[in-house]
Amino acid sequence: MGARRGQALGRRARERIAEAFGDWGYPTPRATAALRAALPSVPLVASGGIRDGVHVAKALALGADVAGLALPFLRAADESECAVAALIDELITALRIAMFATRVASRYRPARRVL
């Protein structure tokens, strides 16, 4: 019974802490648009919460020059090299579809390599 009570207290404490940080930070889409408006000629990297090709497309549409994502790559790398390669293919495909669907595909040339 003592262990269960400890687990319950731990869970409640984590929930309170998460709630305290609920409005912490500045959302990436809002920050990207605001920074692009304020600094139109400065190279802009959007990062934080970007998880897929559609998020990358949104970041570019809001004014970012590039978008950075780490968590999906860390998770894929934890699985295998093949999972990383599959993630790259998935990101590129989703980005291309988003660009086609929004008619911006002709304005951008995709990079020939991924850094």
PDB file of N, CA and C in Angstrom:
ATOM      1  N   MET A   1       0.819  -1.186   0.000  1.00  0.00           N
ATOM      2  CA  MET A   1       0.000   0.000   0.000  1.00  0.00           C
ATOM      3  C   MET A   1       0.867   1.256   0.000  1.00  0.00           C
ATOM      4  N   GLY A   2       1.979   1.233   0.684  1.00  0.00           N
ATOM      5  CA  GLY A   2       2.856   2.387   0.733  1.00  0.00           C
ATOM      6  C   GLY A   2       3.386   2.760  -0.641  1.00  0.00           C
ATOM      7  N   ALA A   3       3.743   1.764  -1.447  1.00  0.00           N
ATOM      8  CA  ALA A   3       4.260   2.035  -2.790  1.00  0.00           C
ATOM      9  C   ALA A   3       3.186   2.666  -3.669  1.00  0.00           C
ATOM     10  N   ARG A   4       1.976   2.188  -3.561  1.00  0.00           N
ATOM     11  CA  ARG A   4       0.882   2.761  -4.363  1.00  0.00           C
ATOM     12  C   ARG A   4       0.633   4.217  -3.982  1.00  0.00           C
ATOM     13  N   ARG A   5       0.672   4.481  -2.685  1.00  0.00           N
ATOM     14  CA  ARG A   5       0.459   5.861  -2.235  1.00  0.00           C
ATOM     15  C   ARG A   5       1.568   6.754  -2.767  1.00  0.00           C
ATOM     16  N   GLY A   6       2.798   6.261  -2.744  1.00  0.00           N
ATOM     17  CA  GLY A   6       3.932   7.016  -3.277  1.00  0.00           C
ATOM     18  C   GLY A   6       3.785   7.277  -4.760  1.00  0.00           C
ATOM     19  N   GLN A   7       3.320   6.276  -5.498  1.00  0.00           N
ATOM     20  CA  GLN A   7       3.099   6.455  -6.935  1.00  0.00           C
ATOM     21  C   GLN A   7       2.003   7.484  -7.192  1.00  0.00           C
ATOM     22  N   ALA A   8       0.936   7.414  -6.402  1.00  0.00           N
ATOM     23  CA  ALA A   8      -0.171   8.355  -6.571  1.00  0.00           C
ATOM     24  C   ALA A   8       0.280   9.779  -6.265  1.00  0.00           C
ATOM     25  N   LEU A   9       1.054   9.951  -5.196  1.00  0.00           N
ATOM     26  CA  LEU A   9       1.556  11.282  -4.863  1.00  0.00           C
ATOM     27  C   LEU A   9       2.476  11.792  -5.960  1.00  0.00           C
ATOM     28  N   GLY A  10       3.304  10.904  -6.498  1.00  0.00           N
ATOM     29  CA  GLY A  10       4.197  11.286  -7.587  1.00  0.00           C
ATOM     30  C   GLY A  10       3.427  11.726  -8.811  1.00  0.00           C
ATOM     31  N   ARG A  11       2.377  10.998  -9.131  1.00  0.00           N
ATOM     32  CA  ARG A  11       1.555  11.333 -10.284  1.00  0.00           C
ATOM     33  C   ARG A  11       0.868  12.677 -10.081  1.00  0.00           C
ATOM     34  N   ARG A  12       0.322  12.894  -8.901  1.00  0.00           N
ATOM     35  CA  ARG A  12      -0.344  14.176  -8.610  1.00  0.00           C
ATOM     36  C   ARG A  12       0.648  15.327  -8.668  1.00  0.00           C
ATOM     37  N   ALA A  13       1.825  15.100  -8.150  1.00  0.00           N
ATOM     38  CA  ALA A  13       2.848  16.148  -8.179  1.00  0.00           C
ATOM     39  C   ALA A  13       3.227  16.472  -9.628  1.00  0.00           C
ATOM     40  N   ARG A  14       3.401  15.445 -10.465  1.00  0.00           N
ATOM     41  CA  ARG A  14       3.726  15.683 -11.873  1.00  0.00           C
ATOM     42  C   ARG A  14       2.607  16.442 -12.566  1.00  0.00           C
ATOM     43  N   GLU A  15       1.364  16.116 -12.254  1.00  0.00           N
ATOM     44  CA  GLU A  15       0.228  16.815 -12.860  1.00  0.00           C
ATOM     45  C   GLU A  15       0.205  18.286 -12.449  1.00  0.00           C
ATOM     46  N   ARG A  16       0.497  18.556 -11.188  1.00  0.00           N
ATOM     47  CA  ARG A  16       0.531  19.953 -10.721  1.00  0.00           C
ATOM     48  C   ARG A  16       1.654  20.727 -11.403  1.00  0.00           C
ATOM     49  N   ILE A  17       2.794  20.087 -11.519  1.00  0.00           N
ATOM     50  CA  ILE A  17       3.930  20.741 -12.168  1.00  0.00           C
ATOM     51  C   ILE A  17       3.609  21.008 -13.634  1.00  0.00           C
ATOM     52  N   ALA A  18       3.045  20.020 -14.318  1.00  0.00           N
ATOM     53  CA  ALA A  18       2.669  20.206 -15.724  1.00  0.00           C
ATOM     54  C   ALA A  18       1.657  21.338 -15.865  1.00  0.00           C
ATOM     55  N   GLU A  19       0.712  21.415 -14.959  1.00  0.00           N
ATOM     56  CA  GLU A  19      -0.289  22.475 -14.993  1.00  0.00           C
ATOM     57  C   GLU A  19       0.356  23.846 -14.790  1.00  0.00           C
ATOM     58  N   ALA A  20       1.336  23.911 -13.905  1.00  0.00           N
ATOM     59  CA  ALA A  20       2.017  25.177 -13.643  1.00  0.00           C
ATOM     60  C   ALA A  20       2.721  25.704 -14.892  1.00  0.00           C
ATOM     61  N   PHE A  21       3.174  24.801 -15.755  1.00  0.00           N
ATOM     62  CA  PHE A  21       3.876  25.198 -16.971  1.00  0.00           C
ATOM     63  C   PHE A  21       2.964  25.214 -18.187  1.00  0.00           C
ATOM     64  N   GLY A  22       1.659  25.115 -17.986  1.00  0.00           N
ATOM     65  CA  GLY A  22       0.703  25.032 -19.080  1.00  0.00           C
ATOM     66  C   GLY A  22       0.754  26.193 -20.048  1.00  0.00           C
ATOM     67  N   ASP A  23       1.010  27.386 -19.565  1.00  0.00           N
ATOM     68  CA  ASP A  23       1.052  28.545 -20.453  1.00  0.00           C
ATOM     69  C   ASP A  23       2.478  29.088 -20.610  1.00  0.00           C
ATOM     70  N   TRP A  24       3.443  28.254 -20.316  1.00  0.00           N
ATOM     71  CA  TRP A  24       4.851  28.627 -20.404  1.00  0.00           C
ATOM     72  C   TRP A  24       5.266  28.705 -21.872  1.00  0.00           C
ATOM     73  N   GLY A  25       6.070  29.654 -22.179  1.00  0.00           N
ATOM     74  CA  GLY A  25       6.655  29.729 -23.511  1.00  0.00           C
ATOM     75  C   GLY A  25       5.812  30.502 -24.501  1.00  0.00           C
ATOM     76  N   TYR A  26       6.244  30.444 -25.718  1.00  0.00           N
ATOM     77  CA  TYR A  26       5.626  31.168 -26.818  1.00  0.00           C
ATOM     78  C   TYR A  26       5.459  30.172 -27.950  1.00  0.00           C
ATOM     79  N   PRO A  27       4.265  29.923 -28.419  1.00  0.00           N
ATOM     80  CA  PRO A  27       4.063  28.905 -29.461  1.00  0.00           C
ATOM     81  C   PRO A  27       4.884  29.201 -30.721  1.00  0.00           C
ATOM     82  N   THR A  28       5.472  28.175 -31.283  1.00  0.00           N
ATOM     83  CA  THR A  28       6.337  28.330 -32.451  1.00  0.00           C
ATOM     84  C   THR A  28       5.646  29.042 -33.614  1.00  0.00           C
ATOM     85  N   PRO A  29       4.412  28.686 -33.984  1.00  0.00           N
ATOM     86  CA  PRO A  29       3.791  29.398 -35.110  1.00  0.00           C
ATOM     87  C   PRO A  29       3.642  30.902 -34.858  1.00  0.00           C
ATOM     88  N   ARG A  30       3.222  31.267 -33.673  1.00  0.00           N
ATOM     89  CA  ARG A  30       3.055  32.679 -33.357  1.00  0.00           C
ATOM     90  C   ARG A  30       4.412  33.391 -33.328  1.00  0.00           C
ATOM     91  N   ALA A  31       5.406  32.738 -32.749  1.00  0.00           N
ATOM     92  CA  ALA A  31       6.745  33.321 -32.686  1.00  0.00           C
ATOM     93  C   ALA A  31       7.330  33.490 -34.089  1.00  0.00           C
ATOM     94  N   THR A  32       7.142  32.496 -34.940  1.00  0.00           N
ATOM     95  CA  THR A  32       7.679  32.556 -36.301  1.00  0.00           C
ATOM     96  C   THR A  32       7.082  33.734 -37.062  1.00  0.00           C
ATOM     97  N   ALA A  33       5.763  33.863 -37.014  1.00  0.00           N
ATOM     98  CA  ALA A  33       5.102  34.968 -37.724  1.00  0.00           C
ATOM     99  C   ALA A  33       5.524  36.326 -37.159  1.00  0.00           C
ATOM    100  N   ALA A  34       5.611  36.431 -35.847  1.00  0.00           N
ATOM    101  CA  ALA A  34       5.982  37.700 -35.216  1.00  0.00           C
ATOM    102  C   ALA A  34       7.428  38.082 -35.534  1.00  0.00           C
ATOM    103  N   LEU A  35       8.322  37.113 -35.485  1.00  0.00           N
ATOM    104  CA  LEU A  35       9.725  37.396 -35.787  1.00  0.00           C
ATOM    105  C   LEU A  35       9.923  37.761 -37.245  1.00  0.00           C
ATOM    106  N   ARG A  36       9.219  37.070 -38.144  1.00  0.00           N
ATOM    107  CA  ARG A  36       9.350  37.404 -39.561  1.00  0.00           C
ATOM    108  C   ARG A  36       8.848  38.827 -39.818  1.00  0.00           C
ATOM    109  N   ALA A  37       7.748  39.208 -39.177  1.00  0.00           N
ATOM    110  CA  ALA A  37       7.215  40.560 -39.353  1.00  0.00           C
ATOM    111  C   ALA A  37       8.182  41.608 -38.800  1.00  0.00           C
ATOM    112  N   ALA A  38       8.801  41.306 -37.672  1.00  0.00           N
ATOM    113  CA  ALA A  38       9.706  42.265 -37.033  1.00  0.00           C
ATOM    114  C   ALA A  38      11.073  42.320 -37.693  1.00  0.00           C
ATOM    115  N   LEU A  39      11.527  41.183 -38.235  1.00  0.00           N
ATOM    116  CA  LEU A  39      12.878  41.083 -38.802  1.00  0.00           C
ATOM    117  C   LEU A  39      12.819  40.447 -40.190  1.00  0.00           C
ATOM    118  N   PRO A  40      12.306  41.155 -41.171  1.00  0.00           N
ATOM    119  CA  PRO A  40      12.049  40.542 -42.478  1.00  0.00           C
ATOM    120  C   PRO A  40      13.281  40.039 -43.230  1.00  0.00           C
ATOM    121  N   SER A  41      14.446  40.572 -42.951  1.00  0.00           N
ATOM    122  CA  SER A  41      15.623  40.150 -43.712  1.00  0.00           C
ATOM    123  C   SER A  41      16.568  39.226 -42.941  1.00  0.00           C
ATOM    124  N   VAL A  42      16.220  38.887 -41.711  1.00  0.00           N
ATOM    125  CA  VAL A  42      17.082  38.031 -40.894  1.00  0.00           C
ATOM    126  C   VAL A  42      16.728  36.557 -41.151  1.00  0.00           C
ATOM    127  N   PRO A  43      17.731  35.710 -41.376  1.00  0.00           N
ATOM    128  CA  PRO A  43      17.439  34.282 -41.538  1.00  0.00           C
ATOM    129  C   PRO A  43      16.715  33.745 -40.290  1.00  0.00           C
ATOM    130  N   LEU A  44      15.657  32.995 -40.510  1.00  0.00           N
ATOM    131  CA  LEU A  44      14.807  32.557 -39.403  1.00  0.00           C
ATOM    132  C   LEU A  44      14.659  31.044 -39.391  1.00  0.00           C
ATOM    133  N   VAL A  45      14.985  30.433 -38.253  1.00  0.00           N
ATOM    134  CA  VAL A  45      14.837  29.002 -38.051  1.00  0.00           C
ATOM    135  C   VAL A  45      13.666  28.774 -37.100  1.00  0.00           C
ATOM    136  N   ALA A  46      12.679  28.030 -37.544  1.00  0.00           N
ATOM    137  CA  ALA A  46      11.557  27.673 -36.678  1.00  0.00           C
ATOM    138  C   ALA A  46      11.859  26.310 -36.069  1.00  0.00           C
ATOM    139  N   SER A  47      11.737  26.210 -34.756  1.00  0.00           N
ATOM    140  CA  SER A  47      12.022  24.956 -34.079  1.00  0.00           C
ATOM    141  C   SER A  47      11.233  24.904 -32.783  1.00  0.00           C
ATOM    142  N   GLY A  48      10.873  23.716 -32.392  1.00  0.00           N
ATOM    143  CA  GLY A  48      10.117  23.530 -31.158  1.00  0.00           C
ATOM    144  C   GLY A  48       8.708  23.077 -31.470  1.00  0.00           C
ATOM    145  N   GLY A  49       8.440  21.834 -31.251  1.00  0.00           N
ATOM    146  CA  GLY A  49       7.108  21.303 -31.494  1.00  0.00           C
ATOM    147  C   GLY A  49       6.859  20.900 -32.931  1.00  0.00           C
ATOM    148  N   ILE A  50       7.836  21.048 -33.791  1.00  0.00           N
ATOM    149  CA  ILE A  50       7.681  20.646 -35.190  1.00  0.00           C
ATOM    150  C   ILE A  50       7.927  19.147 -35.268  1.00  0.00           C
ATOM    151  N   ARG A  51       6.922  18.413 -35.743  1.00  0.00           N
ATOM    152  CA  ARG A  51       6.987  16.955 -35.679  1.00  0.00           C
ATOM    153  C   ARG A  51       6.886  16.249 -37.020  1.00  0.00           C
ATOM    154  N   ASP A  52       6.409  16.957 -38.061  1.00  0.00           N
ATOM    155  CA  ASP A  52       6.209  16.268 -39.338  1.00  0.00           C
ATOM    156  C   ASP A  52       6.322  17.252 -40.494  1.00  0.00           C
ATOM    157  N   GLY A  53       6.186  16.736 -41.701  1.00  0.00           N
ATOM    158  CA  GLY A  53       6.318  17.557 -42.896  1.00  0.00           C
ATOM    159  C   GLY A  53       5.282  18.658 -42.996  1.00  0.00           C
ATOM    160  N   VAL A  54       4.090  18.419 -42.492  1.00  0.00           N
ATOM    161  CA  VAL A  54       3.052  19.453 -42.517  1.00  0.00           C
ATOM    162  C   VAL A  54       3.443  20.597 -41.584  1.00  0.00           C
ATOM    163  N   HIS A  55       4.003  20.272 -40.425  1.00  0.00           N
ATOM    164  CA  HIS A  55       4.487  21.319 -39.519  1.00  0.00           C
ATOM    165  C   HIS A  55       5.601  22.131 -40.182  1.00  0.00           C
ATOM    166  N   VAL A  56       6.476  21.451 -40.922  1.00  0.00           N
ATOM    167  CA  VAL A  56       7.545  22.152 -41.632  1.00  0.00           C
ATOM    168  C   VAL A  56       6.933  23.109 -42.654  1.00  0.00           C
ATOM    169  N   ALA A  57       5.952  22.639 -43.413  1.00  0.00           N
ATOM    170  CA  ALA A  57       5.291  23.482 -44.410  1.00  0.00           C
ATOM    171  C   ALA A  57       4.642  24.699 -43.758  1.00  0.00           C
ATOM    172  N   LYS A  58       4.001  24.502 -42.615  1.00  0.00           N
ATOM    173  CA  LYS A  58       3.378  25.620 -41.908  1.00  0.00           C
ATOM    174  C   LYS A  58       4.434  26.628 -41.458  1.00  0.00           C
ATOM    175  N   ALA A  59       5.558  26.136 -40.947  1.00  0.00           N
ATOM    176  CA  ALA A  59       6.628  27.033 -40.506  1.00  0.00           C
ATOM    177  C   ALA A  59       7.150  27.856 -41.676  1.00  0.00           C
ATOM    178  N   LEU A  60       7.341  27.221 -42.821  1.00  0.00           N
ATOM    179  CA  LEU A  60       7.806  27.938 -44.004  1.00  0.00           C
ATOM    180  C   LEU A  60       6.772  28.961 -44.455  1.00  0.00           C
ATOM    181  N   ALA A  61       5.499  28.582 -44.412  1.00  0.00           N
ATOM    182  CA  ALA A  61       4.432  29.499 -44.811  1.00  0.00           C
ATOM    183  C   ALA A  61       4.348  30.706 -43.884  1.00  0.00           C
ATOM    184  N   LEU A  62       4.715  30.519 -42.630  1.00  0.00           N
ATOM    185  CA  LEU A  62       4.671  31.627 -41.657  1.00  0.00           C
ATOM    186  C   LEU A  62       5.918  32.506 -41.711  1.00  0.00           C
ATOM    187  N   GLY A  63       6.882  32.136 -42.565  1.00  0.00           N
ATOM    188  CA  GLY A  63       8.039  32.996 -42.757  1.00  0.00           C
ATOM    189  C   GLY A  63       9.385  32.419 -42.387  1.00  0.00           C
ATOM    190  N   ALA A  64       9.430  31.208 -41.878  1.00  0.00           N
ATOM    191  CA  ALA A  64      10.723  30.610 -41.543  1.00  0.00           C
ATOM    192  C   ALA A  64      11.487  30.284 -42.821  1.00  0.00           C
ATOM    193  N   ASP A  65      12.793  30.375 -42.739  1.00  0.00           N
ATOM    194  CA  ASP A  65      13.633  29.971 -43.866  1.00  0.00           C
ATOM    195  C   ASP A  65      13.899  28.472 -43.822  1.00  0.00           C
ATOM    196  N   VAL A  66      14.011  27.945 -42.624  1.00  0.00           N
ATOM    197  CA  VAL A  66      14.176  26.506 -42.413  1.00  0.00           C
ATOM    198  C   VAL A  66      13.435  26.121 -41.138  1.00  0.00           C
ATOM    199  N   ALA A  67      13.196  24.837 -40.999  1.00  0.00           N
ATOM    200  CA  ALA A  67      12.554  24.336 -39.787  1.00  0.00           C
ATOM    201  C   ALA A  67      13.407  23.218 -39.212  1.00  0.00           C
ATOM    202  N   GLY A  68      13.522  23.193 -37.902  1.00  0.00           N
ATOM    203  CA  GLY A  68      14.313  22.169 -37.241  1.00  0.00           C
ATOM    204  C   GLY A  68      13.425  21.269 -36.408  1.00  0.00           C
ATOM    205  N   LEU A  69      13.715  19.997 -36.462  1.00  0.00           N
ATOM    206  CA  LEU A  69      12.995  19.061 -35.612  1.00  0.00           C
ATOM    207  C   LEU A  69      13.964  18.020 -35.086  1.00  0.00           C
ATOM    208  N   ALA A  70      13.804  17.679 -33.831  1.00  0.00           N
ATOM    209  CA  ALA A  70      14.719  16.740 -33.196  1.00  0.00           C
ATOM    210  C   ALA A  70      14.009  15.493 -32.685  1.00  0.00           C
ATOM    211  N   LEU A  71      12.926  15.677 -31.952  1.00  0.00           N
ATOM    212  CA  LEU A  71      12.280  14.533 -31.296  1.00  0.00           C
ATOM    213  C   LEU A  71      11.941  13.397 -32.255  1.00  0.00           C
ATOM    214  N   PRO A  72      11.354  13.665 -33.411  1.00  0.00           N
ATOM    215  CA  PRO A  72      11.069  12.545 -34.312  1.00  0.00           C
ATOM    216  C   PRO A  72      12.339  11.794 -34.729  1.00  0.00           C
ATOM    217  N   PHE A  73      13.433  12.528 -34.913  1.00  0.00           N
ATOM    218  CA  PHE A  73      14.681  11.875 -35.286  1.00  0.00           C
ATOM    219  C   PHE A  73      15.288  11.089 -34.132  1.00  0.00           C
ATOM    220  N   LEU A  74      15.172  11.620 -32.925  1.00  0.00           N
ATOM    221  CA  LEU A  74      15.687  10.883 -31.767  1.00  0.00           C
ATOM    222  C   LEU A  74      14.925   9.578 -31.571  1.00  0.00           C
ATOM    223  N   ARG A  75      13.615   9.647 -31.718  1.00  0.00           N
ATOM    224  CA  ARG A  75      12.803   8.431 -31.578  1.00  0.00           C
ATOM    225  C   ARG A  75      13.132   7.421 -32.671  1.00  0.00           C
ATOM    226  N   ALA A  76      13.257   7.911 -33.899  1.00  0.00           N
ATOM    227  CA  ALA A  76      13.578   7.007 -35.006  1.00  0.00           C
ATOM    228  C   ALA A  76      14.971   6.413 -34.823  1.00  0.00           C
ATOM    229  N   ALA A  77      15.935   7.227 -34.413  1.00  0.00           N
ATOM    230  CA  ALA A  77      17.302   6.743 -34.217  1.00  0.00           C
ATOM    231  C   ALA A  77      17.376   5.719 -33.107  1.00  0.00           C
ATOM    232  N   ASP A  78      16.511   5.867 -32.119  1.00  0.00           N
ATOM    233  CA  ASP A  78      16.466   4.892 -31.036  1.00  0.00           C
ATOM    234  C   ASP A  78      15.988   3.534 -31.550  1.00  0.00           C
ATOM    235  N   GLU A  79      15.215   3.573 -32.633  1.00  0.00           N
ATOM    236  CA  GLU A  79      14.687   2.337 -33.218  1.00  0.00           C
ATOM    237  C   GLU A  79      15.697   1.689 -34.158  1.00  0.00           C
ATOM    238  N   SER A  80      16.136   2.437 -35.189  1.00  0.00           N
ATOM    239  CA  SER A  80      17.099   1.881 -36.152  1.00  0.00           C
ATOM    240  C   SER A  80      17.482   2.924 -37.197  1.00  0.00           C
ATOM    241  N   GLU A  81      18.530   2.620 -37.944  1.00  0.00           N
ATOM    242  CA  GLU A  81      18.921   3.485 -39.053  1.00  0.00           C
ATOM    243  C   GLU A  81      17.837   3.490 -40.121  1.00  0.00           C
ATOM    244  N   CYS A  82      17.219   2.345 -40.330  1.00  0.00           N
ATOM    245  CA  CYS A  82      16.145   2.258 -41.325  1.00  0.00           C
ATOM    246  C   CYS A  82      14.967   3.141 -40.936  1.00  0.00           C
ATOM    247  N   ALA A  83      14.689   3.235 -39.650  1.00  0.00           N
ATOM    248  CA  ALA A  83      13.593   4.086 -39.183  1.00  0.00           C
ATOM    249  C   ALA A  83      13.909   5.554 -39.452  1.00  0.00           C
ATOM    250  N   VAL A  84      15.173   5.944 -39.331  1.00  0.00           N
ATOM    251  CA  VAL A  84      15.575   7.328 -39.626  1.00  0.00           C
ATOM    252  C   VAL A  84      15.383   7.599 -41.113  1.00  0.00           C
ATOM    253  N   ALA A  85      15.832   6.680 -41.957  1.00  0.00           N
ATOM    254  CA  ALA A  85      15.670   6.843 -43.407  1.00  0.00           C
ATOM    255  C   ALA A  85      14.191   6.920 -43.777  1.00  0.00           C
ATOM    256  N   ALA A  86      13.369   6.093 -43.160  1.00  0.00           N
ATOM    257  CA  ALA A  86      11.929   6.114 -43.430  1.00  0.00           C
ATOM    258  C   ALA A  86      11.315   7.439 -42.985  1.00  0.00           C
ATOM    259  N   LEU A  87      11.766   7.966 -41.853  1.00  0.00           N
ATOM    260  CA  LEU A  87      11.269   9.254 -41.368  1.00  0.00           C
ATOM    261  C   LEU A  87      11.619  10.369 -42.347  1.00  0.00           C
ATOM    262  N   ILE A  88      12.833  10.366 -42.852  1.00  0.00           N
ATOM    263  CA  ILE A  88      13.245  11.388 -43.826  1.00  0.00           C
ATOM    264  C   ILE A  88      12.347  11.320 -45.060  1.00  0.00           C
ATOM    265  N   ASP A  89      12.118  10.116 -45.573  1.00  0.00           N
ATOM    266  CA  ASP A  89      11.238   9.958 -46.732  1.00  0.00           C
ATOM    267  C   ASP A  89       9.832  10.460 -46.433  1.00  0.00           C
ATOM    268  N   GLU A  90       9.330  10.141 -45.252  1.00  0.00           N
ATOM    269  CA  GLU A  90       7.988  10.565 -44.845  1.00  0.00           C
ATOM    270  C   GLU A  90       7.904  12.091 -44.741  1.00  0.00           C
ATOM    271  N   LEU A  91       8.913  12.711 -44.144  1.00  0.00           N
ATOM    272  CA  LEU A  91       8.931  14.175 -44.012  1.00  0.00           C
ATOM    273  C   LEU A  91       8.941  14.855 -45.374  1.00  0.00           C
ATOM    274  N   ILE A  92       9.789  14.371 -46.261  1.00  0.00           N
ATOM    275  CA  ILE A  92       9.894  14.971 -47.593  1.00  0.00           C
ATOM    276  C   ILE A  92       8.590  14.798 -48.363  1.00  0.00           C
ATOM    277  N   THR A  93       7.994  13.614 -48.286  1.00  0.00           N
ATOM    278  CA  THR A  93       6.739  13.371 -48.986  1.00  0.00           C
ATOM    279  C   THR A  93       5.629  14.265 -48.463  1.00  0.00           C
ATOM    280  N   ALA A  94       5.493  14.360 -47.152  1.00  0.00           N
ATOM    281  CA  ALA A  94       4.444  15.209 -46.570  1.00  0.00           C
ATOM    282  C   ALA A  94       4.669  16.673 -46.936  1.00  0.00           C
ATOM    283  N   LEU A  95       5.917  17.117 -46.916  1.00  0.00           N
ATOM    284  CA  LEU A  95       6.225  18.499 -47.282  1.00  0.00           C
ATOM    285  C   LEU A  95       5.882  18.765 -48.743  1.00  0.00           C
ATOM    286  N   ARG A  96       6.241  17.836 -49.620  1.00  0.00           N
ATOM    287  CA  ARG A  96       5.918  17.998 -51.040  1.00  0.00           C
ATOM    288  C   ARG A  96       4.410  18.051 -51.273  1.00  0.00           C
ATOM    289  N   ILE A  97       3.663  17.199 -50.596  1.00  0.00           N
ATOM    290  CA  ILE A  97       2.206  17.199 -50.741  1.00  0.00           C
ATOM    291  C   ILE A  97       1.632  18.522 -50.251  1.00  0.00           C
ATOM    292  N   ALA A  98       2.107  18.993 -49.104  1.00  0.00           N
ATOM    293  CA  ALA A  98       1.615  20.265 -48.571  1.00  0.00           C
ATOM    294  C   ALA A  98       1.937  21.411 -49.520  1.00  0.00           C
ATOM    295  N   MET A  99       3.119  21.399 -50.084  1.00  0.00           N
ATOM    296  CA  MET A  99       3.503  22.446 -51.020  1.00  0.00           C
ATOM    297  C   MET A  99       2.662  22.380 -52.297  1.00  0.00           C
ATOM    298  N   PHE A 100       2.398  21.183 -52.774  1.00  0.00           N
ATOM    299  CA  PHE A 100       1.556  21.027 -53.958  1.00  0.00           C
ATOM    300  C   PHE A 100       0.137  21.500 -53.660  1.00  0.00           C
ATOM    301  N   ALA A 101      -0.390  21.088 -52.515  1.00  0.00           N
ATOM    302  CA  ALA A 101      -1.770  21.421 -52.153  1.00  0.00           C
ATOM    303  C   ALA A 101      -1.973  22.920 -51.957  1.00  0.00           C
ATOM    304  N   THR A 102      -0.923  23.620 -51.573  1.00  0.00           N
ATOM    305  CA  THR A 102      -1.037  25.064 -51.354  1.00  0.00           C
ATOM    306  C   THR A 102      -0.473  25.871 -52.518  1.00  0.00           C
ATOM    307  N   ARG A 103      -0.106  25.196 -53.584  1.00  0.00           N
ATOM    308  CA  ARG A 103       0.374  25.823 -54.822  1.00  0.00           C
ATOM    309  C   ARG A 103       1.669  26.606 -54.653  1.00  0.00           C
ATOM    310  N   VAL A 104       2.506  26.200 -53.756  1.00  0.00           N
ATOM    311  CA  VAL A 104       3.789  26.882 -53.603  1.00  0.00           C
ATOM    312  C   VAL A 104       4.943  26.037 -54.108  1.00  0.00           C
ATOM    313  N   ALA A 105       4.662  24.864 -54.627  1.00  0.00           N
ATOM    314  CA  ALA A 105       5.718  23.953 -55.055  1.00  0.00           C
ATOM    315  C   ALA A 105       6.637  24.585 -56.090  1.00  0.00           C
ATOM    316  N   SER A 106       6.110  25.435 -56.951  1.00  0.00           N
ATOM    317  CA  SER A 106       6.931  26.027 -57.998  1.00  0.00           C
ATOM    318  C   SER A 106       7.875  27.108 -57.464  1.00  0.00           C
ATOM    319  N   ARG A 107       7.638  27.616 -56.255  1.00  0.00           N
ATOM    320  CA  ARG A 107       8.484  28.676 -55.699  1.00  0.00           C
ATOM    321  C   ARG A 107       9.736  28.144 -55.006  1.00  0.00           C
ATOM    322  N   TYR A 108       9.732  26.890 -54.647  1.00  0.00           N
ATOM    323  CA  TYR A 108      10.844  26.309 -53.882  1.00  0.00           C
ATOM    324  C   TYR A 108      11.452  25.137 -54.637  1.00  0.00           C
ATOM    325  N   ARG A 109      12.739  25.028 -54.511  1.00  0.00           N
ATOM    326  CA  ARG A 109      13.425  23.853 -55.036  1.00  0.00           C
ATOM    327  C   ARG A 109      13.888  23.044 -53.833  1.00  0.00           C
ATOM    328  N   PRO A 110      13.453  21.784 -53.731  1.00  0.00           N
ATOM    329  CA  PRO A 110      13.882  20.985 -52.576  1.00  0.00           C
ATOM    330  C   PRO A 110      15.399  20.764 -52.582  1.00  0.00           C
ATOM    331  N   ALA A 111      15.975  20.732 -51.410  1.00  0.00           N
ATOM    332  CA  ALA A 111      17.413  20.477 -51.283  1.00  0.00           C
ATOM    333  C   ALA A 111      17.718  19.078 -51.797  1.00  0.00           C
ATOM    334  N   ARG A 112      18.881  18.921 -52.355  1.00  0.00           N
ATOM    335  CA  ARG A 112      19.275  17.607 -52.880  1.00  0.00           C
ATOM    336  C   ARG A 112      19.787  16.700 -51.775  1.00  0.00           C
ATOM    337  N   ARG A 113      20.073  17.273 -50.621  1.00  0.00           N
ATOM    338  CA  ARG A 113      20.559  16.471 -49.497  1.00  0.00           C
ATOM    339  C   ARG A 113      19.966  17.004 -48.202  1.00  0.00           C
ATOM    340  N   VAL A 114      19.950  16.162 -47.229  1.00  0.00           N
ATOM    341  CA  VAL A 114      19.441  16.527 -45.919  1.00  0.00           C
ATOM    342  C   VAL A 114      20.625  16.600 -44.978  1.00  0.00           C
ATOM    343  N   LEU A 115      20.729  17.704 -44.259  1.00  0.00           N
ATOM    344  CA  LEU A 115      21.857  17.868 -43.327  1.00  0.00           C
ATOM    345  C   LEU A 115      21.494  17.328 -41.973  1.00  0.00           C
TER     346      LEU A 115
END
